[in-house]
Amino acid sequence: MSVIDVVVLSGDSAGSGRTPATINGDYCGTSIDQSPELHPAPGFSHITVAEPGRVAYIAGQVALAPDFSLVGGDDLGAQTRAAMRNVETALKAVGAGWEDVVRRTIYTLHPTQYEVITAAIEEVQGSTDHPAQTILGVTGLAVPGLLIEIEVTVRLPG
């Protein structure tokens, strides 16, 4: 079986040739084997489809503490973990978890260091499962010293 690049967060998969998908052991829809027309998706899914319902858009989270101090210095991994902890705080505020994230966009000064970014993300979320994701290289972020910003789209439970 190839790397999964499509996660469909919808109801019935009976007769579709698709298999149930789980994230952290929870049912999240159906997965489709990677299309041969797309490259392998290490650390992300090419496509995520959310079922109709309520959606939350969490603004880009960065490595800033509540007192607005920079967390992680010039360490991309440390800043990624701090930004992901802030994403986690926002998820909890809307009653959601990592399994509800259907899209992630990452803005970073170091887009080619995706292995460092992916390892830090997986450490915080406690899983190697990933939603559809794009990493964009930028020349700067809103606060000097920031190396990464992470925004997510969430399918709200219930």
N, C-alpha and C. Protein backbone atom coordinates (compact mmCIF):
# COMPACT_ATOMS: atom_id res chain seq x y z
N MET A 1 0.85 -1.17 0.00
CA MET A 1 0.00 0.00 0.00
C MET A 1 0.90 1.24 0.00
N SER A 2 0.54 2.22 -0.78
CA SER A 2 1.35 3.43 -0.88
C SER A 2 0.96 4.44 0.19
N VAL A 3 1.74 5.51 0.28
CA VAL A 3 1.45 6.58 1.22
C VAL A 3 0.07 7.14 0.91
N ILE A 4 -0.74 7.35 1.94
CA ILE A 4 -2.07 7.91 1.73
C ILE A 4 -1.94 9.40 1.43
N ASP A 5 -2.56 9.85 0.34
CA ASP A 5 -2.49 11.26 0.01
C ASP A 5 -3.86 11.90 0.01
N VAL A 6 -4.91 11.14 0.25
CA VAL A 6 -6.26 11.69 0.26
C VAL A 6 -6.96 11.18 1.51
N VAL A 7 -7.54 12.07 2.27
CA VAL A 7 -8.35 11.70 3.41
C VAL A 7 -9.71 12.35 3.21
N VAL A 8 -10.75 11.55 3.11
CA VAL A 8 -12.09 12.06 2.92
C VAL A 8 -12.80 11.97 4.25
N LEU A 9 -13.17 13.12 4.81
CA LEU A 9 -13.84 13.17 6.09
C LEU A 9 -15.34 13.24 5.83
N SER A 10 -15.91 12.11 5.42
CA SER A 10 -17.32 12.09 5.11
C SER A 10 -17.92 10.77 5.56
N GLY A 11 -19.20 10.63 5.31
CA GLY A 11 -19.95 9.49 5.82
C GLY A 11 -19.61 8.16 5.20
N ASP A 12 -20.56 7.61 4.46
CA ASP A 12 -20.54 6.24 4.01
C ASP A 12 -19.48 5.96 2.95
N SER A 13 -18.71 4.89 3.18
CA SER A 13 -17.73 4.49 2.18
C SER A 13 -18.07 3.12 1.61
N ALA A 14 -19.25 2.60 1.95
CA ALA A 14 -19.64 1.27 1.49
C ALA A 14 -19.64 1.21 -0.03
N GLY A 15 -19.01 0.18 -0.57
CA GLY A 15 -19.02 -0.03 -1.99
C GLY A 15 -18.13 0.91 -2.79
N SER A 16 -17.39 1.77 -2.13
CA SER A 16 -16.59 2.75 -2.85
C SER A 16 -15.18 2.28 -3.15
N GLY A 17 -14.78 1.16 -2.55
CA GLY A 17 -13.40 0.72 -2.71
C GLY A 17 -12.44 1.45 -1.80
N ARG A 18 -12.97 2.25 -0.92
CA ARG A 18 -12.16 3.01 0.03
C ARG A 18 -12.16 2.29 1.36
N THR A 19 -11.15 2.53 2.16
CA THR A 19 -11.07 1.89 3.46
C THR A 19 -11.22 2.92 4.56
N PRO A 20 -11.79 2.51 5.71
CA PRO A 20 -11.93 3.47 6.81
C PRO A 20 -10.56 4.02 7.23
N ALA A 21 -10.50 5.28 7.53
CA ALA A 21 -9.26 5.91 7.98
C ALA A 21 -9.40 6.31 9.44
N THR A 22 -8.30 6.27 10.15
CA THR A 22 -8.30 6.72 11.54
C THR A 22 -7.13 7.65 11.77
N ILE A 23 -7.30 8.55 12.70
CA ILE A 23 -6.22 9.41 13.19
C ILE A 23 -6.24 9.25 14.69
N ASN A 24 -5.12 8.81 15.26
CA ASN A 24 -5.02 8.53 16.69
C ASN A 24 -6.11 7.56 17.14
N GLY A 25 -6.46 6.60 16.26
CA GLY A 25 -7.43 5.58 16.60
C GLY A 25 -8.88 5.98 16.43
N ASP A 26 -9.15 7.23 16.07
CA ASP A 26 -10.53 7.70 15.90
C ASP A 26 -10.90 7.69 14.43
N TYR A 27 -12.13 7.25 14.14
CA TYR A 27 -12.62 7.24 12.76
C TYR A 27 -12.67 8.67 12.23
N CYS A 28 -12.16 8.90 11.04
CA CYS A 28 -12.19 10.25 10.47
C CYS A 28 -12.63 10.26 9.02
N GLY A 29 -13.20 9.18 8.53
CA GLY A 29 -13.69 9.16 7.16
C GLY A 29 -13.11 8.00 6.39
N THR A 30 -12.73 8.23 5.16
CA THR A 30 -12.17 7.18 4.33
C THR A 30 -10.87 7.65 3.71
N SER A 31 -9.99 6.70 3.50
CA SER A 31 -8.72 7.02 2.86
C SER A 31 -8.69 6.37 1.48
N ILE A 32 -8.00 7.00 0.57
CA ILE A 32 -7.87 6.50 -0.79
C ILE A 32 -6.38 6.30 -1.05
N ASP A 33 -6.02 5.15 -1.63
CA ASP A 33 -4.61 4.94 -1.95
C ASP A 33 -4.12 6.08 -2.82
N GLN A 34 -2.83 6.40 -2.67
CA GLN A 34 -2.27 7.51 -3.43
C GLN A 34 -2.43 7.30 -4.92
N SER A 35 -2.81 8.34 -5.59
CA SER A 35 -2.93 8.33 -7.04
C SER A 35 -1.54 8.24 -7.65
N PRO A 36 -1.35 7.42 -8.67
CA PRO A 36 -0.03 7.34 -9.30
C PRO A 36 0.38 8.63 -10.01
N GLU A 37 -0.59 9.53 -10.23
CA GLU A 37 -0.28 10.80 -10.88
C GLU A 37 0.34 11.82 -9.92
N LEU A 38 0.30 11.54 -8.60
CA LEU A 38 0.86 12.46 -7.61
C LEU A 38 2.09 11.85 -6.96
N HIS A 39 3.04 12.69 -6.59
CA HIS A 39 4.24 12.20 -5.92
C HIS A 39 3.90 11.74 -4.51
N PRO A 40 4.75 10.91 -3.90
CA PRO A 40 4.51 10.48 -2.52
C PRO A 40 4.39 11.70 -1.60
N ALA A 41 3.62 11.54 -0.54
CA ALA A 41 3.34 12.65 0.36
C ALA A 41 3.95 12.39 1.74
N PRO A 42 5.25 12.62 1.90
CA PRO A 42 5.88 12.38 3.20
C PRO A 42 5.55 13.49 4.19
N GLY A 43 4.84 13.16 5.25
CA GLY A 43 4.54 14.16 6.29
C GLY A 43 3.34 15.02 6.01
N PHE A 44 2.52 14.70 5.00
CA PHE A 44 1.30 15.46 4.74
C PHE A 44 0.40 14.64 3.82
N SER A 45 -0.84 15.06 3.68
CA SER A 45 -1.77 14.49 2.71
C SER A 45 -1.96 15.50 1.60
N HIS A 46 -2.05 15.03 0.36
CA HIS A 46 -2.28 15.94 -0.76
C HIS A 46 -3.66 16.58 -0.68
N ILE A 47 -4.67 15.81 -0.28
CA ILE A 47 -6.05 16.30 -0.30
C ILE A 47 -6.77 15.89 0.98
N THR A 48 -7.55 16.81 1.53
CA THR A 48 -8.45 16.50 2.63
C THR A 48 -9.80 17.10 2.29
N VAL A 49 -10.86 16.31 2.38
CA VAL A 49 -12.20 16.79 2.11
C VAL A 49 -13.00 16.72 3.40
N ALA A 50 -13.50 17.84 3.88
CA ALA A 50 -14.28 17.88 5.12
C ALA A 50 -15.76 17.76 4.79
N GLU A 51 -16.47 17.05 5.64
CA GLU A 51 -17.91 16.92 5.44
C GLU A 51 -18.58 18.27 5.70
N PRO A 52 -19.78 18.45 5.18
CA PRO A 52 -20.50 19.70 5.47
C PRO A 52 -20.67 19.86 6.97
N GLY A 53 -20.60 21.05 7.43
CA GLY A 53 -20.75 21.32 8.86
C GLY A 53 -20.00 22.57 9.25
N ARG A 54 -19.79 22.70 10.53
CA ARG A 54 -19.10 23.88 11.04
C ARG A 54 -17.60 23.76 10.84
N VAL A 55 -16.99 24.85 10.43
CA VAL A 55 -15.56 24.90 10.19
C VAL A 55 -14.98 26.08 10.96
N ALA A 56 -13.80 25.88 11.55
CA ALA A 56 -13.09 26.96 12.22
C ALA A 56 -11.79 27.21 11.48
N TYR A 57 -11.43 28.48 11.37
CA TYR A 57 -10.18 28.88 10.73
C TYR A 57 -9.31 29.49 11.81
N ILE A 58 -8.24 28.80 12.15
CA ILE A 58 -7.34 29.29 13.20
C ILE A 58 -6.22 30.08 12.56
N ALA A 59 -6.12 31.34 12.94
CA ALA A 59 -5.11 32.23 12.38
C ALA A 59 -3.71 31.70 12.66
N GLY A 60 -2.77 32.16 11.87
CA GLY A 60 -1.39 31.73 12.01
C GLY A 60 -0.88 31.89 13.43
N GLN A 61 -0.36 30.79 13.97
CA GLN A 61 0.21 30.80 15.31
C GLN A 61 1.72 30.77 15.20
N VAL A 62 2.37 31.49 16.09
CA VAL A 62 3.82 31.64 16.05
C VAL A 62 4.42 31.28 17.40
N ALA A 63 5.72 31.38 17.49
CA ALA A 63 6.45 31.03 18.71
C ALA A 63 6.52 32.23 19.65
N LEU A 64 5.35 32.71 20.07
CA LEU A 64 5.29 33.79 21.05
C LEU A 64 4.57 33.31 22.30
N ALA A 65 5.13 33.65 23.45
CA ALA A 65 4.52 33.34 24.74
C ALA A 65 3.40 34.35 25.01
N PRO A 66 2.55 34.09 26.01
CA PRO A 66 1.48 35.05 26.33
C PRO A 66 1.97 36.47 26.62
N ASP A 67 3.22 36.60 27.08
CA ASP A 67 3.77 37.93 27.35
C ASP A 67 4.42 38.56 26.11
N PHE A 68 4.22 37.93 24.95
CA PHE A 68 4.72 38.38 23.65
C PHE A 68 6.23 38.18 23.49
N SER A 69 6.83 37.37 24.35
CA SER A 69 8.26 37.08 24.20
C SER A 69 8.45 35.93 23.22
N LEU A 70 9.55 35.97 22.49
CA LEU A 70 9.89 34.94 21.52
C LEU A 70 10.28 33.66 22.24
N VAL A 71 9.76 32.52 21.77
CA VAL A 71 10.07 31.21 22.34
C VAL A 71 10.93 30.45 21.32
N GLY A 72 12.04 29.90 21.75
CA GLY A 72 12.84 29.05 20.88
C GLY A 72 14.02 29.70 20.21
N GLY A 73 14.20 31.00 20.41
CA GLY A 73 15.36 31.69 19.83
C GLY A 73 15.44 31.47 18.33
N ASP A 74 16.64 31.11 17.84
CA ASP A 74 16.83 30.90 16.40
C ASP A 74 16.77 29.42 16.02
N ASP A 75 16.14 28.60 16.87
CA ASP A 75 16.01 27.16 16.65
C ASP A 75 14.66 26.87 15.98
N LEU A 76 14.68 26.47 14.70
CA LEU A 76 13.46 26.23 13.95
C LEU A 76 12.60 25.14 14.60
N GLY A 77 13.21 24.07 15.07
CA GLY A 77 12.46 23.01 15.72
C GLY A 77 11.75 23.50 16.97
N ALA A 78 12.45 24.27 17.80
CA ALA A 78 11.86 24.80 19.03
C ALA A 78 10.73 25.78 18.72
N GLN A 79 10.93 26.62 17.71
CA GLN A 79 9.87 27.56 17.33
C GLN A 79 8.66 26.82 16.76
N THR A 80 8.90 25.75 16.00
CA THR A 80 7.79 24.97 15.45
C THR A 80 6.99 24.32 16.57
N ARG A 81 7.68 23.74 17.55
CA ARG A 81 6.97 23.14 18.69
C ARG A 81 6.16 24.19 19.44
N ALA A 82 6.72 25.36 19.64
CA ALA A 82 6.00 26.43 20.35
C ALA A 82 4.77 26.88 19.56
N ALA A 83 4.92 27.04 18.24
CA ALA A 83 3.79 27.44 17.41
C ALA A 83 2.71 26.36 17.44
N MET A 84 3.11 25.10 17.37
CA MET A 84 2.14 24.00 17.41
C MET A 84 1.45 23.92 18.77
N ARG A 85 2.15 24.23 19.85
CA ARG A 85 1.48 24.27 21.17
C ARG A 85 0.44 25.39 21.19
N ASN A 86 0.73 26.50 20.53
CA ASN A 86 -0.27 27.58 20.44
C ASN A 86 -1.45 27.16 19.56
N VAL A 87 -1.19 26.42 18.49
CA VAL A 87 -2.28 25.87 17.68
C VAL A 87 -3.13 24.94 18.56
N GLU A 88 -2.47 24.11 19.34
CA GLU A 88 -3.19 23.17 20.22
C GLU A 88 -4.08 23.92 21.22
N THR A 89 -3.59 25.02 21.76
CA THR A 89 -4.38 25.85 22.68
C THR A 89 -5.63 26.38 21.97
N ALA A 90 -5.46 26.84 20.73
CA ALA A 90 -6.59 27.35 19.95
C ALA A 90 -7.58 26.22 19.63
N LEU A 91 -7.07 25.04 19.30
CA LEU A 91 -7.94 23.89 19.03
C LEU A 91 -8.82 23.57 20.25
N LYS A 92 -8.18 23.53 21.40
CA LYS A 92 -8.93 23.25 22.63
C LYS A 92 -9.98 24.32 22.90
N ALA A 93 -9.69 25.56 22.56
CA ALA A 93 -10.63 26.67 22.79
C ALA A 93 -11.91 26.50 21.98
N VAL A 94 -11.83 25.81 20.82
CA VAL A 94 -13.02 25.59 20.01
C VAL A 94 -13.55 24.16 20.14
N GLY A 95 -13.01 23.42 21.10
CA GLY A 95 -13.49 22.06 21.35
C GLY A 95 -13.04 21.05 20.32
N ALA A 96 -11.88 21.28 19.72
CA ALA A 96 -11.37 20.39 18.67
C ALA A 96 -10.02 19.81 19.08
N GLY A 97 -9.57 18.83 18.32
CA GLY A 97 -8.27 18.21 18.53
C GLY A 97 -7.54 18.05 17.21
N TRP A 98 -6.37 17.45 17.26
CA TRP A 98 -5.55 17.28 16.04
C TRP A 98 -6.31 16.49 14.98
N GLU A 99 -7.14 15.54 15.39
CA GLU A 99 -7.87 14.72 14.43
C GLU A 99 -8.90 15.53 13.63
N ASP A 100 -9.20 16.74 14.07
CA ASP A 100 -10.18 17.59 13.39
C ASP A 100 -9.55 18.56 12.40
N VAL A 101 -8.23 18.65 12.37
CA VAL A 101 -7.54 19.55 11.45
C VAL A 101 -7.59 18.96 10.04
N VAL A 102 -8.12 19.74 9.09
CA VAL A 102 -8.24 19.25 7.72
C VAL A 102 -7.29 19.96 6.75
N ARG A 103 -6.65 21.03 7.21
CA ARG A 103 -5.74 21.79 6.35
C ARG A 103 -4.74 22.53 7.22
N ARG A 104 -3.48 22.53 6.80
CA ARG A 104 -2.45 23.27 7.52
C ARG A 104 -1.61 24.02 6.51
N THR A 105 -1.36 25.30 6.79
CA THR A 105 -0.46 26.10 5.97
C THR A 105 0.66 26.60 6.84
N ILE A 106 1.87 26.42 6.37
CA ILE A 106 3.06 26.80 7.12
C ILE A 106 3.82 27.86 6.33
N TYR A 107 4.11 28.96 7.00
CA TYR A 107 4.92 30.03 6.42
C TYR A 107 6.25 30.01 7.19
N THR A 108 7.36 29.93 6.48
CA THR A 108 8.64 29.84 7.17
C THR A 108 9.77 30.49 6.37
N LEU A 109 10.75 30.95 7.10
CA LEU A 109 11.95 31.48 6.47
C LEU A 109 12.84 30.35 5.95
N HIS A 110 12.54 29.10 6.37
CA HIS A 110 13.38 27.95 6.03
C HIS A 110 12.55 26.80 5.46
N PRO A 111 11.92 26.98 4.28
CA PRO A 111 11.02 25.96 3.75
C PRO A 111 11.70 24.64 3.38
N THR A 112 12.99 24.66 3.12
CA THR A 112 13.67 23.41 2.76
C THR A 112 13.99 22.55 3.98
N GLN A 113 13.78 23.08 5.16
CA GLN A 113 14.02 22.32 6.39
C GLN A 113 12.74 21.62 6.85
N TYR A 114 11.99 21.08 5.88
CA TYR A 114 10.72 20.45 6.19
C TYR A 114 10.87 19.23 7.09
N GLU A 115 12.02 18.57 7.09
CA GLU A 115 12.21 17.42 7.98
C GLU A 115 12.22 17.87 9.44
N VAL A 116 12.87 18.99 9.72
CA VAL A 116 12.89 19.56 11.08
C VAL A 116 11.47 19.97 11.48
N ILE A 117 10.78 20.63 10.56
CA ILE A 117 9.41 21.09 10.82
C ILE A 117 8.50 19.90 11.09
N THR A 118 8.56 18.88 10.23
CA THR A 118 7.71 17.70 10.38
C THR A 118 7.97 16.98 11.70
N ALA A 119 9.24 16.81 12.07
CA ALA A 119 9.57 16.13 13.33
C ALA A 119 8.99 16.89 14.53
N ALA A 120 9.08 18.21 14.50
CA ALA A 120 8.55 19.02 15.61
C ALA A 120 7.03 18.94 15.66
N ILE A 121 6.38 18.98 14.50
CA ILE A 121 4.92 18.87 14.44
C ILE A 121 4.49 17.52 15.01
N GLU A 122 5.13 16.45 14.57
CA GLU A 122 4.76 15.11 15.04
C GLU A 122 4.99 14.95 16.53
N GLU A 123 6.03 15.58 17.05
CA GLU A 123 6.30 15.51 18.49
C GLU A 123 5.14 16.14 19.28
N VAL A 124 4.67 17.29 18.84
CA VAL A 124 3.60 17.98 19.57
C VAL A 124 2.26 17.28 19.40
N GLN A 125 1.92 16.88 18.17
CA GLN A 125 0.61 16.28 17.96
C GLN A 125 0.58 14.81 18.35
N GLY A 126 1.75 14.21 18.62
CA GLY A 126 1.80 12.82 19.07
C GLY A 126 1.39 11.82 18.01
N SER A 127 1.58 12.17 16.75
CA SER A 127 1.14 11.31 15.65
C SER A 127 1.92 11.64 14.39
N THR A 128 2.00 10.65 13.51
CA THR A 128 2.62 10.87 12.20
C THR A 128 1.55 11.12 11.13
N ASP A 129 0.28 11.26 11.53
CA ASP A 129 -0.80 11.57 10.61
C ASP A 129 -0.81 13.07 10.33
N HIS A 130 -1.05 13.43 9.07
CA HIS A 130 -1.02 14.83 8.67
C HIS A 130 -2.18 15.17 7.74
N PRO A 131 -2.72 16.39 7.86
CA PRO A 131 -3.76 16.83 6.93
C PRO A 131 -3.11 17.34 5.64
N ALA A 132 -3.95 17.81 4.72
CA ALA A 132 -3.42 18.50 3.54
C ALA A 132 -2.57 19.67 4.04
N GLN A 133 -1.45 19.90 3.40
CA GLN A 133 -0.52 20.91 3.91
C GLN A 133 0.26 21.57 2.79
N THR A 134 0.55 22.85 2.99
CA THR A 134 1.43 23.59 2.10
C THR A 134 2.47 24.30 2.95
N ILE A 135 3.73 24.25 2.53
CA ILE A 135 4.80 25.00 3.19
C ILE A 135 5.23 26.09 2.21
N LEU A 136 5.18 27.33 2.68
CA LEU A 136 5.56 28.47 1.86
C LEU A 136 6.81 29.14 2.42
N GLY A 137 7.77 29.42 1.58
CA GLY A 137 8.95 30.17 1.98
C GLY A 137 8.65 31.65 1.95
N VAL A 138 8.98 32.34 3.02
CA VAL A 138 8.76 33.78 3.11
C VAL A 138 10.07 34.47 3.50
N THR A 139 10.14 35.77 3.27
CA THR A 139 11.35 36.51 3.60
C THR A 139 11.30 37.11 5.00
N GLY A 140 10.13 37.09 5.62
CA GLY A 140 10.00 37.61 6.97
C GLY A 140 8.59 37.38 7.48
N LEU A 141 8.44 37.46 8.80
CA LEU A 141 7.14 37.35 9.45
C LEU A 141 6.90 38.62 10.27
N ALA A 142 5.75 38.72 10.90
CA ALA A 142 5.30 39.97 11.53
C ALA A 142 6.20 40.48 12.65
N VAL A 143 6.85 39.59 13.37
CA VAL A 143 7.70 39.98 14.50
C VAL A 143 9.13 39.55 14.21
N PRO A 144 10.09 40.45 14.34
CA PRO A 144 11.48 40.07 14.10
C PRO A 144 11.88 38.87 14.97
N GLY A 145 12.62 37.93 14.35
CA GLY A 145 13.08 36.74 15.06
C GLY A 145 12.21 35.52 14.83
N LEU A 146 10.97 35.72 14.37
CA LEU A 146 10.11 34.57 14.10
C LEU A 146 10.61 33.84 12.85
N LEU A 147 10.58 32.49 12.92
CA LEU A 147 11.03 31.66 11.81
C LEU A 147 9.90 30.91 11.14
N ILE A 148 8.74 30.79 11.84
CA ILE A 148 7.66 29.96 11.33
C ILE A 148 6.31 30.45 11.85
N GLU A 149 5.28 30.28 11.03
CA GLU A 149 3.90 30.58 11.41
C GLU A 149 3.04 29.46 10.84
N ILE A 150 2.11 28.96 11.65
CA ILE A 150 1.29 27.81 11.26
C ILE A 150 -0.19 28.15 11.45
N GLU A 151 -0.96 28.04 10.36
CA GLU A 151 -2.42 28.23 10.45
C GLU A 151 -3.10 26.94 10.07
N VAL A 152 -4.29 26.72 10.64
CA VAL A 152 -5.02 25.49 10.33
C VAL A 152 -6.50 25.78 10.10
N THR A 153 -7.12 24.88 9.35
CA THR A 153 -8.56 24.84 9.15
C THR A 153 -9.06 23.60 9.85
N VAL A 154 -10.16 23.74 10.58
CA VAL A 154 -10.63 22.67 11.45
C VAL A 154 -12.09 22.35 11.16
N ARG A 155 -12.39 21.06 11.03
CA ARG A 155 -13.77 20.57 10.98
C ARG A 155 -14.20 20.36 12.42
N LEU A 156 -15.13 21.17 12.88
CA LEU A 156 -15.54 21.10 14.28
C LEU A 156 -16.35 19.85 14.55
N PRO A 157 -16.05 19.17 15.67
CA PRO A 157 -16.79 17.97 16.01
C PRO A 157 -18.26 18.30 16.30
N GLY A 158 -19.10 17.29 16.07
CA GLY A 158 -20.52 17.43 16.41
C GLY A 158 -21.21 18.15 15.37
